Amino acid sequence: MRPSTLKRERLASEAPSVKPALLVSVHDVSPLTLEASRRMVDLAVSNGVPLNALTVLVIPRHEDRAPLDEHSSTRDWLHGLAEAGACLCLHGFTHRMSGQARSPWQWAWAQGFARGQGELYLSDAADCERRLEAARAIICRAGLGGDVHGFVPPAWLLSPAASGVVRQAGFAFHERLCGIFAGDVILAHRLIGFGSLSAFEARMTAAHAWLQSHRRPADTRLAIHPADVRRDDTVEAIRCTLRRLLPRLTPMNYMAFLRSHPAAASPS
């Protein structure tokens, strides 16, 4: 193992002397999902997560047909969340993946895991740069340029080329499946998410959430997607998970977490 890797792992293991963080993220917010997005926020807040402890992932042009800057209801709602202290993050450009998988392994991640929504999983550097530039232009036209601090790629997936572009793009942080990248460290490795496209998937991910929430307390990311609030059993699983975690963890948004963590580079 290289010394730099050892250093990153050592720093990432140095947790603050307070309760670990609960990092609740609301995914796929756009004009196409505004109703579900409101329900996701209400679900989290009504179950004990303060509004200023939420991280909200915004898609600027969802499915390449819903530009945020042209939809006043979504734009105004996001302004209100930012003013209340929520952390806004860029969540791709369209969220829709382009390109073709070149191996069974790539196909498994692209279609089996991401279901065609891993926008930057197959991107080259030029494609990633173009998408980030277009996304930022919409965010700026929507008047949210000063409120969007981090980047979360759709399905948490980046190609090697896209990863390099994102690292150099000036975000305070970005997130992958393995954790939140801040400077040279990776934090909050534990991730709880829910699958809601079938009854079987809902049961399996609820079981995973139960197991994760009974582990020794650690910085934990909990992701909520629009499909989750359309299934009563998944909503109940989220409520139960929050009830188990909140007494042992401190709810924080991503920026507040990084500012409080001694191992993280100070985000601007």
Protein backbone atom coordinates (compact mmCIF):
# COMPACT_ATOMS: atom_id res chain seq x y z
CA MET A 1 0.00 0.00 0.00
CA ARG A 2 1.36 3.43 -0.95
CA PRO A 3 2.17 5.97 1.80
CA SER A 4 -0.36 8.43 0.36
CA THR A 5 -3.09 5.79 0.64
CA LEU A 6 -2.10 5.03 4.21
CA LYS A 7 -2.23 8.72 5.04
CA ARG A 8 -5.72 9.09 3.55
CA GLU A 9 -7.01 6.08 5.45
CA ARG A 10 -5.47 7.29 8.70
CA LEU A 11 -6.96 10.76 8.33
CA ALA A 12 -10.37 9.43 7.34
CA SER A 13 -10.44 7.28 10.47
CA GLU A 14 -9.92 10.28 12.76
CA ALA A 15 -13.52 11.11 13.67
CA PRO A 16 -14.59 14.22 15.54
CA SER A 17 -15.08 13.91 19.31
CA VAL A 18 -18.85 14.19 18.97
CA LYS A 19 -21.55 11.81 17.84
CA PRO A 20 -21.07 10.64 14.26
CA ALA A 21 -23.03 12.42 11.55
CA LEU A 22 -26.26 11.43 9.86
CA LEU A 23 -26.10 12.84 6.32
CA VAL A 24 -29.53 12.72 4.70
CA SER A 25 -29.61 13.49 0.97
CA VAL A 26 -32.67 14.15 -1.18
CA HIS A 27 -31.95 12.98 -4.72
CA ASP A 28 -33.15 13.82 -8.23
CA VAL A 29 -34.76 17.18 -7.52
CA SER A 30 -36.06 18.84 -10.68
CA PRO A 31 -39.23 20.24 -12.22
CA LEU A 32 -40.14 16.67 -13.20
CA THR A 33 -40.01 15.51 -9.59
CA LEU A 34 -41.16 18.61 -7.69
CA GLU A 35 -44.13 16.96 -5.98
CA ALA A 36 -42.07 13.92 -4.93
CA SER A 37 -39.20 16.21 -3.90
CA ARG A 38 -41.47 18.13 -1.55
CA ARG A 39 -42.62 14.82 -0.08
CA MET A 40 -39.03 13.65 0.41
CA VAL A 41 -38.16 16.80 2.32
CA ASP A 42 -41.36 16.60 4.37
CA LEU A 43 -40.65 12.94 5.17
CA ALA A 44 -37.19 13.73 6.49
CA VAL A 45 -38.21 16.85 8.44
CA SER A 46 -41.33 15.29 9.97
CA ASN A 47 -39.19 12.43 11.26
CA GLY A 48 -36.65 14.54 13.05
CA VAL A 49 -34.14 15.81 10.45
CA PRO A 50 -33.87 19.62 10.56
CA LEU A 51 -34.27 21.37 7.24
CA ASN A 52 -30.79 22.86 7.51
CA ALA A 53 -29.36 19.34 7.92
CA LEU A 54 -30.54 18.21 4.48
CA THR A 55 -28.44 17.92 1.33
CA VAL A 56 -30.48 18.42 -1.84
CA LEU A 57 -29.30 17.06 -5.20
CA VAL A 58 -30.46 19.18 -8.14
CA ILE A 59 -30.73 18.07 -11.79
CA PRO A 60 -30.50 21.16 -14.05
CA ARG A 61 -32.12 19.65 -17.17
CA HIS A 62 -33.77 16.40 -16.14
CA GLU A 63 -34.16 13.87 -18.95
CA ASP A 64 -32.95 16.66 -21.27
CA ARG A 65 -36.39 18.32 -21.21
CA ALA A 66 -36.93 20.17 -17.94
CA PRO A 67 -34.57 23.16 -17.60
CA LEU A 68 -34.61 24.35 -14.01
CA ASP A 69 -34.16 28.01 -14.88
CA GLU A 70 -37.45 28.00 -16.80
CA HIS A 71 -39.52 26.50 -13.97
CA SER A 72 -40.28 29.14 -11.36
CA SER A 73 -41.98 26.83 -8.83
CA THR A 74 -38.97 24.53 -8.52
CA ARG A 75 -36.51 27.42 -8.67
CA ASP A 76 -38.30 29.35 -5.91
CA TRP A 77 -38.63 26.27 -3.73
CA LEU A 78 -34.90 25.60 -3.99
CA HIS A 79 -34.15 29.23 -3.12
CA GLY A 80 -36.22 28.74 0.02
CA LEU A 81 -34.36 25.57 0.97
CA ALA A 82 -30.99 27.29 0.51
CA GLU A 83 -32.10 30.26 2.60
CA ALA A 84 -33.19 27.84 5.34
CA GLY A 85 -29.67 26.37 5.41
CA ALA A 86 -29.99 23.24 3.27
CA CYS A 87 -26.94 22.30 1.19
CA LEU A 88 -27.55 22.19 -2.57
CA CYS A 89 -25.47 19.97 -4.87
CA LEU A 90 -25.27 19.61 -8.62
CA HIS A 91 -26.53 16.17 -9.65
CA GLY A 92 -25.33 15.75 -13.21
CA PHE A 93 -26.89 17.59 -16.13
CA THR A 94 -29.70 15.40 -17.51
CA HIS A 95 -29.19 12.33 -15.26
CA ARG A 96 -29.60 10.15 -18.35
CA MET A 97 -26.64 7.98 -19.37
CA SER A 98 -25.22 8.07 -22.88
CA GLY A 99 -22.78 5.70 -24.54
CA GLN A 100 -22.55 1.92 -24.64
CA ALA A 101 -21.03 -0.42 -22.10
CA ARG A 102 -17.97 -2.21 -23.47
CA SER A 103 -17.83 -5.16 -21.09
CA PRO A 104 -20.19 -7.35 -19.05
CA TRP A 105 -18.89 -5.63 -15.92
CA GLN A 106 -19.70 -2.17 -17.29
CA TRP A 107 -23.11 -3.38 -18.43
CA ALA A 108 -23.88 -4.76 -14.96
CA TRP A 109 -23.18 -1.39 -13.36
CA ALA A 110 -24.76 0.68 -16.14
CA GLN A 111 -28.00 -1.28 -16.44
CA GLY A 112 -28.20 -3.60 -13.45
CA PHE A 113 -27.31 -1.01 -10.83
CA ALA A 114 -27.86 2.40 -12.46
CA ARG A 115 -30.65 1.32 -14.84
CA GLY A 116 -29.38 3.63 -17.55
CA GLN A 117 -29.23 6.64 -15.22
CA GLY A 118 -25.49 6.77 -14.49
CA GLU A 119 -25.00 9.86 -16.64
CA LEU A 120 -21.22 10.11 -16.37
CA TYR A 121 -20.32 6.44 -16.03
CA LEU A 122 -19.35 6.09 -19.69
CA SER A 123 -18.32 9.69 -20.38
CA ASP A 124 -14.96 10.80 -21.70
CA ALA A 125 -13.35 13.98 -20.40
CA ALA A 126 -14.74 16.24 -23.14
CA ASP A 127 -18.29 14.97 -22.63
CA CYS A 128 -18.06 15.44 -18.88
CA GLU A 129 -16.69 18.98 -19.26
CA ARG A 130 -19.49 19.88 -21.67
CA ARG A 131 -22.17 18.56 -19.31
CA LEU A 132 -20.73 20.34 -16.27
CA GLU A 133 -20.50 23.62 -18.18
CA ALA A 134 -24.09 23.35 -19.40
CA ALA A 135 -25.33 22.36 -15.95
CA ARG A 136 -23.59 25.26 -14.27
CA ALA A 137 -25.00 27.71 -16.83
CA ILE A 138 -28.56 26.66 -15.96
CA ILE A 139 -27.83 26.81 -12.23
CA CYS A 140 -26.48 30.34 -12.64
CA ARG A 141 -29.46 31.45 -14.74
CA ALA A 142 -31.71 30.07 -12.00
CA GLY A 143 -29.95 32.34 -9.51
CA LEU A 144 -28.55 29.41 -7.52
CA GLY A 145 -24.89 29.66 -8.49
CA GLY A 146 -23.82 30.78 -5.03
CA ASP A 147 -25.86 28.08 -3.29
CA VAL A 148 -24.58 24.95 -5.07
CA HIS A 149 -21.39 23.74 -3.42
CA GLY A 150 -20.83 20.07 -4.22
CA PHE A 151 -21.27 17.52 -6.96
CA VAL A 152 -22.93 14.11 -6.79
CA PRO A 153 -22.90 12.13 -10.06
CA PRO A 154 -26.09 10.27 -10.91
CA ALA A 155 -25.98 6.76 -9.40
CA TRP A 156 -22.71 7.88 -7.72
CA LEU A 157 -20.84 6.63 -10.82
CA LEU A 158 -18.01 8.30 -12.73
CA SER A 159 -15.78 7.02 -15.50
CA PRO A 160 -12.04 7.43 -14.81
CA ALA A 161 -11.94 10.36 -17.23
CA ALA A 162 -14.99 12.00 -15.68
CA SER A 163 -13.53 11.51 -12.22
CA GLY A 164 -10.48 13.52 -13.21
CA VAL A 165 -12.63 16.33 -14.60
CA VAL A 166 -14.82 16.49 -11.50
CA ARG A 167 -11.80 16.61 -9.19
CA GLN A 168 -10.51 19.66 -11.08
CA ALA A 169 -13.88 21.39 -11.43
CA GLY A 170 -13.67 23.49 -8.27
CA PHE A 171 -16.40 21.82 -6.20
CA ALA A 172 -15.98 21.88 -2.43
CA PHE A 173 -16.58 18.11 -2.47
CA HIS A 174 -18.02 15.32 -4.52
CA GLU A 175 -19.60 12.02 -3.59
CA ARG A 176 -19.12 8.47 -4.85
CA LEU A 177 -20.50 5.15 -3.67
CA CYS A 178 -17.53 4.77 -1.33
CA GLY A 179 -17.95 8.12 0.41
CA ILE A 180 -17.60 11.89 0.27
CA PHE A 181 -14.37 13.10 -1.32
CA ALA A 182 -12.95 16.24 0.32
CA GLY A 183 -9.39 17.15 -0.55
CA ASP A 184 -7.29 14.02 -0.10
CA VAL A 185 -9.67 12.15 2.20
CA ILE A 186 -12.78 10.05 1.75
CA LEU A 187 -15.33 10.37 4.55
CA ALA A 188 -18.67 8.82 5.56
CA HIS A 189 -18.14 5.44 3.92
CA ARG A 190 -21.42 3.98 5.20
CA LEU A 191 -24.35 4.37 2.81
CA ILE A 192 -28.01 3.47 3.27
CA GLY A 193 -30.26 3.66 0.23
CA PHE A 194 -33.62 2.24 -0.74
CA GLY A 195 -34.82 0.51 -3.90
CA SER A 196 -38.46 1.00 -4.73
CA LEU A 197 -39.01 -0.25 -8.27
CA SER A 198 -40.38 -3.63 -7.11
CA ALA A 199 -41.65 -5.23 -3.92
CA PHE A 200 -38.64 -7.54 -3.81
CA GLU A 201 -36.18 -4.65 -4.15
CA ALA A 202 -38.03 -2.70 -1.47
CA ARG A 203 -37.83 -5.61 0.98
CA MET A 204 -34.15 -6.28 0.29
CA THR A 205 -33.09 -2.65 0.70
CA ALA A 206 -35.21 -2.26 3.83
CA ALA A 207 -33.41 -5.28 5.27
CA HIS A 208 -30.06 -3.71 4.34
CA ALA A 209 -31.10 -0.47 6.04
CA TRP A 210 -32.07 -2.41 9.18
CA LEU A 211 -28.69 -4.12 9.30
CA GLN A 212 -26.73 -0.91 8.65
CA SER A 213 -28.68 1.06 11.25
CA HIS A 214 -27.92 -1.55 13.92
CA ARG A 215 -24.16 -1.41 13.41
CA ARG A 216 -21.81 0.50 15.65
CA PRO A 217 -22.48 4.24 15.11
CA ALA A 218 -20.43 5.82 12.33
CA ASP A 219 -20.82 8.72 9.91
CA THR A 220 -23.70 7.52 7.75
CA ARG A 221 -25.16 8.74 4.47
CA LEU A 222 -28.88 8.08 3.96
CA ALA A 223 -30.20 8.69 0.45
CA ILE A 224 -33.86 9.20 -0.45
CA HIS A 225 -35.09 9.05 -4.06
CA PRO A 226 -38.43 10.11 -5.59
CA ALA A 227 -39.58 6.51 -6.13
CA ASP A 228 -39.16 5.86 -2.41
CA VAL A 229 -42.00 8.17 -1.39
CA ARG A 230 -44.38 6.47 -3.82
CA ARG A 231 -44.25 3.18 -1.89
CA ASP A 232 -45.84 3.02 1.56
CA ASP A 233 -43.55 0.19 2.67
CA THR A 234 -40.43 2.13 1.70
CA VAL A 235 -41.69 5.26 3.44
CA GLU A 236 -42.17 3.21 6.59
CA ALA A 237 -38.68 1.72 6.21
CA ILE A 238 -37.20 5.22 5.99
CA ARG A 239 -39.14 6.33 9.07
CA CYS A 240 -37.96 3.30 11.06
CA THR A 241 -34.36 3.82 9.94
CA LEU A 242 -34.43 7.46 11.02
CA ARG A 243 -35.93 6.52 14.39
CA ARG A 244 -33.06 4.10 14.99
CA LEU A 245 -30.30 6.45 13.82
CA LEU A 246 -31.26 9.87 15.15
CA PRO A 247 -30.69 9.09 18.86
CA ARG A 248 -27.13 7.97 18.04
CA LEU A 249 -26.13 10.31 15.22
CA THR A 250 -26.13 14.06 14.64
CA PRO A 251 -28.01 15.20 11.51
CA MET A 252 -25.88 17.48 9.36
CA ASN A 253 -25.75 18.56 5.74
CA TYR A 254 -22.63 17.72 3.75
CA MET A 255 -21.02 21.16 3.97
CA ALA A 256 -21.58 21.44 7.72
CA PHE A 257 -20.16 17.95 8.15
CA LEU A 258 -17.00 18.76 6.22
CA ARG A 259 -16.50 22.03 8.08
CA SER A 260 -16.74 20.15 11.38
CA HIS A 261 -14.46 17.28 10.47
CA PRO A 262 -10.75 17.63 11.31
CA ALA A 263 -9.69 15.27 8.53
CA ALA A 264 -11.39 17.23 5.75
CA ALA A 265 -9.84 20.00 3.74
CA SER A 266 -11.71 23.18 4.61
CA PRO A 267 -14.40 23.60 1.92
CA SER A 268 -15.10 27.11 0.75
